[in-house]
PDB file of all heavy atoms in Angstrom:
ATOM      1  N   HIS A   1     -80.728  16.136  81.138  1.00  0.00           N
ATOM      2  CA  HIS A   1     -81.142  17.510  80.888  1.00  0.00           C
ATOM      3  C   HIS A   1     -81.845  18.125  82.094  1.00  0.00           C
ATOM      4  O   HIS A   1     -81.632  19.304  82.421  1.00  0.00           O
ATOM      5  CB  HIS A   1     -82.063  17.558  79.666  1.00  0.00           C
ATOM      6  CG  HIS A   1     -82.466  18.941  79.269  1.00  0.00           C
ATOM      7  ND1 HIS A   1     -83.569  19.580  79.793  1.00  0.00           N
ATOM      8  CD2 HIS A   1     -81.893  19.835  78.422  1.00  0.00           C
ATOM      9  CE1 HIS A   1     -83.661  20.792  79.287  1.00  0.00           C
ATOM     10  NE2 HIS A   1     -82.673  20.976  78.444  1.00  0.00           N
ATOM     11  N   SER A   2     -82.666  17.330  82.771  1.00  0.00           N
ATOM     12  CA  SER A   2     -83.455  17.873  83.877  1.00  0.00           C
ATOM     13  C   SER A   2     -82.599  18.280  85.067  1.00  0.00           C
ATOM     14  O   SER A   2     -83.037  19.061  85.918  1.00  0.00           O
ATOM     15  CB  SER A   2     -84.497  16.847  84.329  1.00  0.00           C
ATOM     16  OG  SER A   2     -83.873  15.667  84.812  1.00  0.00           O
ATOM     17  N   THR A   3     -81.382  17.749  85.148  1.00  0.00           N
ATOM     18  CA  THR A   3     -80.536  18.066  86.310  1.00  0.00           C
ATOM     19  C   THR A   3     -79.811  19.398  86.151  1.00  0.00           C
ATOM     20  O   THR A   3     -79.334  19.955  87.152  1.00  0.00           O
ATOM     21  CB  THR A   3     -79.483  16.968  86.541  1.00  0.00           C
ATOM     22  OG1 THR A   3     -78.538  16.984  85.462  1.00  0.00           O
ATOM     23  CG2 THR A   3     -80.136  15.597  86.630  1.00  0.00           C
ATOM     24  N   ILE A   4     -79.723  19.922  84.936  1.00  0.00           N
ATOM     25  CA  ILE A   4     -78.917  21.124  84.699  1.00  0.00           C
ATOM     26  C   ILE A   4     -79.419  22.288  85.539  1.00  0.00           C
ATOM     27  O   ILE A   4     -78.655  22.918  86.273  1.00  0.00           O
ATOM     28  CB  ILE A   4     -78.923  21.490  83.201  1.00  0.00           C
ATOM     29  CG1 ILE A   4     -78.253  20.386  82.374  1.00  0.00           C
ATOM     30  CG2 ILE A   4     -78.219  22.828  82.984  1.00  0.00           C
ATOM     31  CD1 ILE A   4     -78.308  20.623  80.879  1.00  0.00           C
ATOM     32  N   THR A   5     -80.723  22.575  85.425  1.00  0.00           N
ATOM     33  CA  THR A   5     -81.276  23.724  86.158  1.00  0.00           C
ATOM     34  C   THR A   5     -81.117  23.536  87.656  1.00  0.00           C
ATOM     35  O   THR A   5     -80.795  24.484  88.387  1.00  0.00           O
ATOM     36  CB  THR A   5     -82.763  23.904  85.802  1.00  0.00           C
ATOM     37  OG1 THR A   5     -82.883  24.105  84.394  1.00  0.00           O
ATOM     38  CG2 THR A   5     -83.347  25.108  86.531  1.00  0.00           C
ATOM     39  N   ARG A   6     -81.309  22.306  88.145  1.00  0.00           N
ATOM     40  CA  ARG A   6     -81.262  22.055  89.588  1.00  0.00           C
ATOM     41  C   ARG A   6     -79.848  22.209  90.135  1.00  0.00           C
ATOM     42  O   ARG A   6     -79.644  22.812  91.187  1.00  0.00           O
ATOM     43  CB  ARG A   6     -81.803  20.651  89.887  1.00  0.00           C
ATOM     44  CG  ARG A   6     -83.236  20.476  89.431  1.00  0.00           C
ATOM     45  CD  ARG A   6     -83.713  19.039  89.532  1.00  0.00           C
ATOM     46  NE  ARG A   6     -84.841  18.819  88.636  1.00  0.00           N
ATOM     47  CZ  ARG A   6     -85.514  17.693  88.543  1.00  0.00           C
ATOM     48  NH1 ARG A   6     -85.172  16.650  89.288  1.00  0.00           N
ATOM     49  NH2 ARG A   6     -86.514  17.568  87.702  1.00  0.00           N
ATOM     50  N   VAL A   7     -78.885  21.658  89.412  1.00  0.00           N
ATOM     51  CA  VAL A   7     -77.499  21.771  89.873  1.00  0.00           C
ATOM     52  C   VAL A   7     -77.049  23.229  89.843  1.00  0.00           C
ATOM     53  O   VAL A   7     -76.457  23.734  90.808  1.00  0.00           O
ATOM     54  CB  VAL A   7     -76.571  20.891  89.017  1.00  0.00           C
ATOM     55  CG1 VAL A   7     -75.109  21.174  89.346  1.00  0.00           C
ATOM     56  CG2 VAL A   7     -76.873  19.411  89.244  1.00  0.00           C
ATOM     57  N   ARG A   8     -77.347  23.926  88.754  1.00  0.00           N
ATOM     58  CA  ARG A   8     -76.948  25.329  88.671  1.00  0.00           C
ATOM     59  C   ARG A   8     -77.649  26.160  89.745  1.00  0.00           C
ATOM     60  O   ARG A   8     -77.033  27.061  90.340  1.00  0.00           O
ATOM     61  CB  ARG A   8     -77.277  25.881  87.283  1.00  0.00           C
ATOM     62  CG  ARG A   8     -76.328  25.393  86.184  1.00  0.00           C
ATOM     63  CD  ARG A   8     -76.770  25.898  84.834  1.00  0.00           C
ATOM     64  NE  ARG A   8     -75.795  25.593  83.784  1.00  0.00           N
ATOM     65  CZ  ARG A   8     -76.035  25.749  82.483  1.00  0.00           C
ATOM     66  NH1 ARG A   8     -77.210  26.207  82.082  1.00  0.00           N
ATOM     67  NH2 ARG A   8     -75.102  25.454  81.592  1.00  0.00           N
ATOM     68  N   ALA A   9     -78.919  25.858  89.997  1.00  0.00           N
ATOM     69  CA  ALA A   9     -79.654  26.590  91.032  1.00  0.00           C
ATOM     70  C   ALA A   9     -79.020  26.363  92.403  1.00  0.00           C
ATOM     71  O   ALA A   9     -78.853  27.302  93.185  1.00  0.00           O
ATOM     72  CB  ALA A   9     -81.118  26.160  91.043  1.00  0.00           C
ATOM     73  N   GLY A  10     -78.659  25.103  92.683  1.00  0.00           N
ATOM     74  CA  GLY A  10     -78.024  24.803  93.959  1.00  0.00           C
ATOM     75  C   GLY A  10     -76.704  25.522  94.127  1.00  0.00           C
ATOM     76  O   GLY A  10     -76.385  26.029  95.209  1.00  0.00           O
ATOM     77  N   LEU A  11     -75.934  25.613  93.050  1.00  0.00           N
ATOM     78  CA  LEU A  11     -74.641  26.292  93.117  1.00  0.00           C
ATOM     79  C   LEU A  11     -74.827  27.799  93.297  1.00  0.00           C
ATOM     80  O   LEU A  11     -74.072  28.444  94.031  1.00  0.00           O
ATOM     81  CB  LEU A  11     -73.832  25.991  91.852  1.00  0.00           C
ATOM     82  CG  LEU A  11     -73.397  24.526  91.699  1.00  0.00           C
ATOM     83  CD1 LEU A  11     -72.867  24.262  90.298  1.00  0.00           C
ATOM     84  CD2 LEU A  11     -72.330  24.178  92.732  1.00  0.00           C
ATOM     85  N   GLN A  12     -75.843  28.357  92.638  1.00  0.00           N
ATOM     86  CA  GLN A  12     -76.130  29.776  92.813  1.00  0.00           C
ATOM     87  C   GLN A  12     -76.587  30.063  94.244  1.00  0.00           C
ATOM     88  O   GLN A  12     -76.233  31.083  94.835  1.00  0.00           O
ATOM     89  CB  GLN A  12     -77.209  30.222  91.826  1.00  0.00           C
ATOM     90  CG  GLN A  12     -76.751  30.290  90.389  1.00  0.00           C
ATOM     91  CD  GLN A  12     -75.688  31.341  90.171  1.00  0.00           C
ATOM     92  OE1 GLN A  12     -75.928  32.523  90.386  1.00  0.00           O
ATOM     93  NE2 GLN A  12     -74.503  30.930  89.769  1.00  0.00           N
ATOM     94  N   ALA A  13     -77.379  29.122  94.788  1.00  0.00           N
ATOM     95  CA  ALA A  13     -77.923  29.310  96.128  1.00  0.00           C
ATOM     96  C   ALA A  13     -76.847  29.316  97.208  1.00  0.00           C
ATOM     97  O   ALA A  13     -77.068  29.814  98.312  1.00  0.00           O
ATOM     98  CB  ALA A  13     -78.955  28.218  96.427  1.00  0.00           C
ATOM     99  N   LEU A  14     -75.663  28.799  96.892  1.00  0.00           N
ATOM    100  CA  LEU A  14     -74.567  28.800  97.870  1.00  0.00           C
ATOM    101  C   LEU A  14     -74.022  30.205  98.104  1.00  0.00           C
ATOM    102  O   LEU A  14     -73.357  30.459  99.128  1.00  0.00           O
ATOM    103  CB  LEU A  14     -73.434  27.885  97.388  1.00  0.00           C
ATOM    104  CG  LEU A  14     -73.744  26.379  97.361  1.00  0.00           C
ATOM    105  CD1 LEU A  14     -72.622  25.621  96.659  1.00  0.00           C
ATOM    106  CD2 LEU A  14     -73.941  25.849  98.777  1.00  0.00           C
ATOM    107  N   ASP A  15     -74.276  31.114  97.146  1.00  0.00           N
ATOM    108  CA  ASP A  15     -73.851  32.522  97.281  1.00  0.00           C
ATOM    109  C   ASP A  15     -72.355  32.657  97.544  1.00  0.00           C
ATOM    110  O   ASP A  15     -71.916  33.393  98.449  1.00  0.00           O
ATOM    111  CB  ASP A  15     -74.630  33.214  98.415  1.00  0.00           C
ATOM    112  CG  ASP A  15     -76.115  33.332  98.127  1.00  0.00           C
ATOM    113  OD1 ASP A  15     -76.466  33.431  96.937  1.00  0.00           O
ATOM    114  OD2 ASP A  15     -76.910  33.311  99.086  1.00  0.00           O
ATOM    115  N   ILE A  16     -71.550  31.937  96.747  1.00  0.00           N
ATOM    116  CA  ILE A  16     -70.093  32.009  96.944  1.00  0.00           C
ATOM    117  C   ILE A  16     -69.371  32.532  95.703  1.00  0.00           C
ATOM    118  O   ILE A  16     -68.160  32.365  95.574  1.00  0.00           O
ATOM    119  CB  ILE A  16     -69.521  30.631  97.349  1.00  0.00           C
ATOM    120  CG1 ILE A  16     -69.819  29.576  96.285  1.00  0.00           C
ATOM    121  CG2 ILE A  16     -70.054  30.209  98.699  1.00  0.00           C
ATOM    122  CD1 ILE A  16     -69.111  28.252  96.535  1.00  0.00           C
ATOM    123  N   GLY A  17     -70.121  33.124  94.773  1.00  0.00           N
ATOM    124  CA  GLY A  17     -69.485  33.728  93.606  1.00  0.00           C
ATOM    125  C   GLY A  17     -69.418  32.866  92.376  1.00  0.00           C
ATOM    126  O   GLY A  17     -68.785  33.256  91.387  1.00  0.00           O
ATOM    127  N   ILE A  18     -70.045  31.695  92.389  1.00  0.00           N
ATOM    128  CA  ILE A  18     -70.082  30.860  91.184  1.00  0.00           C
ATOM    129  C   ILE A  18     -70.956  31.555  90.146  1.00  0.00           C
ATOM    130  O   ILE A  18     -72.097  31.923  90.445  1.00  0.00           O
ATOM    131  CB  ILE A  18     -70.629  29.460  91.504  1.00  0.00           C
ATOM    132  CG1 ILE A  18     -69.675  28.726  92.454  1.00  0.00           C
ATOM    133  CG2 ILE A  18     -70.822  28.645  90.228  1.00  0.00           C
ATOM    134  CD1 ILE A  18     -70.156  27.348  92.898  1.00  0.00           C
ATOM    135  N   PRO A  19     -70.466  31.763  88.934  1.00  0.00           N
ATOM    136  CA  PRO A  19     -71.236  32.523  87.936  1.00  0.00           C
ATOM    137  C   PRO A  19     -72.462  31.763  87.446  1.00  0.00           C
ATOM    138  O   PRO A  19     -72.500  30.529  87.479  1.00  0.00           O
ATOM    139  CB  PRO A  19     -70.224  32.742  86.802  1.00  0.00           C
ATOM    140  CG  PRO A  19     -69.224  31.639  86.960  1.00  0.00           C
ATOM    141  CD  PRO A  19     -69.133  31.374  88.425  1.00  0.00           C
ATOM    142  N   GLN A  20     -73.452  32.516  86.977  1.00  0.00           N
ATOM    143  CA  GLN A  20     -74.626  31.888  86.381  1.00  0.00           C
ATOM    144  C   GLN A  20     -74.210  31.110  85.133  1.00  0.00           C
ATOM    145  O   GLN A  20     -73.302  31.496  84.419  1.00  0.00           O
ATOM    146  CB  GLN A  20     -75.660  32.953  86.007  1.00  0.00           C
ATOM    147  CG  GLN A  20     -76.306  33.633  87.198  1.00  0.00           C
ATOM    148  CD  GLN A  20     -77.404  34.603  86.780  1.00  0.00           C
ATOM    149  OE1 GLN A  20     -77.729  34.722  85.610  1.00  0.00           O
ATOM    150  NE2 GLN A  20     -77.953  35.305  87.753  1.00  0.00           N
ATOM    151  N   GLY A  21     -74.917  30.011  84.887  1.00  0.00           N
ATOM    152  CA  GLY A  21     -74.590  29.211  83.715  1.00  0.00           C
ATOM    153  C   GLY A  21     -73.393  28.304  83.896  1.00  0.00           C
ATOM    154  O   GLY A  21     -72.926  27.691  82.938  1.00  0.00           O
ATOM    155  N   TRP A  22     -72.875  28.227  85.122  1.00  0.00           N
ATOM    156  CA  TRP A  22     -71.737  27.336  85.411  1.00  0.00           C
ATOM    157  C   TRP A  22     -72.293  26.081  86.050  1.00  0.00           C
ATOM    158  O   TRP A  22     -73.086  26.162  86.991  1.00  0.00           O
ATOM    159  CB  TRP A  22     -70.772  28.026  86.361  1.00  0.00           C
ATOM    160  CG  TRP A  22     -69.466  27.322  86.601  1.00  0.00           C
ATOM    161  CD1 TRP A  22     -68.283  27.542  85.945  1.00  0.00           C
ATOM    162  CD2 TRP A  22     -69.181  26.311  87.584  1.00  0.00           C
ATOM    163  NE1 TRP A  22     -67.296  26.738  86.451  1.00  0.00           N
ATOM    164  CE2 TRP A  22     -67.817  25.960  87.458  1.00  0.00           C
ATOM    165  CE3 TRP A  22     -69.944  25.639  88.540  1.00  0.00           C
ATOM    166  CZ2 TRP A  22     -67.194  24.999  88.248  1.00  0.00           C
ATOM    167  CZ3 TRP A  22     -69.345  24.669  89.329  1.00  0.00           C
ATOM    168  CH2 TRP A  22     -67.994  24.361  89.189  1.00  0.00           C
ATOM    169  N   PRO A  23     -71.930  24.895  85.599  1.00  0.00           N
ATOM    170  CA  PRO A  23     -70.994  24.582  84.518  1.00  0.00           C
ATOM    171  C   PRO A  23     -71.668  24.557  83.143  1.00  0.00           C
ATOM    172  O   PRO A  23     -72.889  24.642  83.042  1.00  0.00           O
ATOM    173  CB  PRO A  23     -70.532  23.167  84.904  1.00  0.00           C
ATOM    174  CG  PRO A  23     -71.757  22.553  85.514  1.00  0.00           C
ATOM    175  CD  PRO A  23     -72.407  23.671  86.291  1.00  0.00           C
ATOM    176  N   ASP A  24     -70.842  24.410  82.083  1.00  0.00           N
ATOM    177  CA  ASP A  24     -71.352  24.198  80.730  1.00  0.00           C
ATOM    178  C   ASP A  24     -71.730  22.728  80.569  1.00  0.00           C
ATOM    179  O   ASP A  24     -71.157  21.848  81.225  1.00  0.00           O
ATOM    180  CB  ASP A  24     -70.289  24.551  79.687  1.00  0.00           C
ATOM    181  CG  ASP A  24     -69.986  26.038  79.650  1.00  0.00           C
ATOM    182  OD1 ASP A  24     -70.926  26.833  79.808  1.00  0.00           O
ATOM    183  OD2 ASP A  24     -68.813  26.397  79.463  1.00  0.00           O
TER     184      ASP A  24
END
């Protein structure tokens, strides 16, 4: 559970168009 926010944050930080909440 603790990794969800971190992984999603890292993907958002790439600024390449990955939507928020990805992945499920």
